[in-house]
Protein backbone atom coordinates (compact mmCIF):
# COMPACT_ATOMS: atom_id res chain seq x y z
CA MET A 1 -1.41 14.19 99.20
CA ASP A 2 -2.84 15.07 95.76
CA MET A 3 -0.38 14.41 92.90
CA GLN A 4 -0.79 16.45 89.72
CA PRO A 5 0.69 15.24 86.41
CA LEU A 6 3.74 17.08 85.11
CA ARG A 7 2.78 19.19 82.09
CA HIS A 8 4.86 21.09 79.63
CA SER A 9 3.25 24.13 78.08
CA SER A 10 4.63 25.96 75.07
CA ASN A 11 3.15 29.09 73.52
CA ALA A 12 5.34 28.85 70.41
CA ARG A 13 3.48 28.09 67.18
CA LEU A 14 5.29 27.19 63.99
CA GLN A 15 3.80 27.33 60.50
CA THR A 16 5.65 26.51 57.32
CA PHE A 17 4.49 26.89 53.76
CA VAL A 18 5.47 26.07 50.21
CA GLY A 19 4.11 28.02 47.26
CA TYR A 20 4.35 27.01 43.62
CA GLN A 21 3.17 29.08 40.67
CA TYR A 22 3.14 27.98 37.05
CA THR A 23 2.53 30.50 34.28
CA ASP A 24 1.92 29.07 30.82
CA SER A 25 3.26 30.65 27.64
CA GLN A 26 1.76 34.04 26.86
CA MET A 27 1.21 36.24 23.84
CA LEU A 28 2.68 39.66 24.64
CA ALA A 29 1.57 42.63 22.58
CA ALA A 30 3.35 45.94 22.26
CA PRO A 31 2.31 48.51 19.65
CA SER A 32 5.89 49.50 18.84
CA VAL A 33 7.29 45.95 18.67
CA GLY A 34 4.31 43.78 17.69
CA ASP A 35 3.20 40.48 19.16
CA SER A 36 5.62 37.95 20.57
CA LYS A 37 5.19 34.69 22.43
CA SER A 38 6.81 34.29 25.84
CA ALA A 39 7.75 30.87 27.20
CA ALA A 40 6.13 29.27 30.24
CA PHE A 41 7.83 29.57 33.63
CA HIS A 42 7.39 28.56 37.26
CA THR A 43 8.42 29.89 40.66
CA LEU A 44 8.78 28.31 44.10
CA GLU A 45 8.45 30.00 47.51
CA LEU A 46 9.34 28.61 50.94
CA GLY A 47 8.75 30.24 54.29
CA THR A 48 7.97 29.88 57.94
CA GLU A 49 6.20 31.87 60.63
CA ILE A 50 6.89 31.49 64.34
CA GLN A 51 4.58 32.95 66.96
CA ALA A 52 7.02 33.01 69.90
CA THR A 53 4.58 34.60 72.35
CA ARG A 54 1.11 36.04 72.10
CA GLU A 55 2.65 39.39 71.22
CA LEU A 56 5.86 38.50 69.35
CA GLY A 57 6.09 36.82 65.94
CA PHE A 58 8.79 36.21 63.36
CA LYS A 59 8.64 35.26 59.68
CA PHE A 60 11.24 34.48 57.09
CA GLY A 61 11.43 32.83 53.71
CA VAL A 62 12.65 32.83 50.13
CA VAL A 63 10.70 33.93 47.06
CA ASN A 64 11.60 32.53 43.60
CA LEU A 65 13.85 29.91 45.16
CA THR A 66 14.83 28.51 41.74
CA ASN A 67 15.91 32.00 40.59
CA THR A 68 13.78 31.70 37.45
CA LYS A 69 14.30 34.35 34.77
CA ARG A 70 11.83 35.40 32.06
CA ASP A 71 12.83 34.81 28.45
CA ASP A 72 14.14 37.47 26.05
CA ALA A 73 10.68 38.18 24.57
CA ALA A 74 9.24 39.04 28.01
CA ARG A 75 12.27 41.04 29.16
CA ALA A 76 12.24 43.10 25.95
CA LEU A 77 8.78 44.32 26.98
CA ASP A 78 9.81 44.90 30.62
CA HIS A 79 7.99 41.81 31.92
CA ILE A 80 10.76 41.14 34.41
CA LEU A 81 10.54 38.57 37.19
CA LEU A 82 12.23 39.43 40.48
CA GLY A 83 15.11 37.00 41.13
CA ARG A 84 15.65 34.93 44.26
CA THR A 85 14.80 37.11 47.25
CA ALA A 86 14.98 36.43 51.00
CA TYR A 87 12.81 38.21 53.53
CA VAL A 88 12.67 38.51 57.31
CA GLY A 89 9.97 40.08 59.43
CA VAL A 90 9.13 40.76 63.06
CA SER A 91 5.72 41.64 64.44
CA TYR A 92 4.80 42.85 67.91
CA ARG A 93 1.25 43.39 69.12
CA LEU A 94 0.77 46.04 71.76
C-alpha cells in the first residue's frame, strides 16, 4: 500500500501594508491673500488585502489614521486634508 503525506492546501493570500507620508513646510501663494507658510504634516495609512479564491478578493483599510489636519494657513487657501477615512472593497474576476 502506497502512503501519501497529508497536505493542507489554502488558496487564501493575505497582504498587509503600512504607508507613511511626510510633507515638509510649504510656502503657499495666493494673489488675493499673499504668501504664507504652512506647517509640516504627516499621514499614516494601514490596510490589508485578502485573495480568498482565484476570483474573489477583499480589501479594507484606514487612510489618515492619525486624523491629521492642515494648519490655518493651508485651510484658508483650501488646501484641506481629508480626515480619517475607512474603506472596504470587493473584487470578483469573471
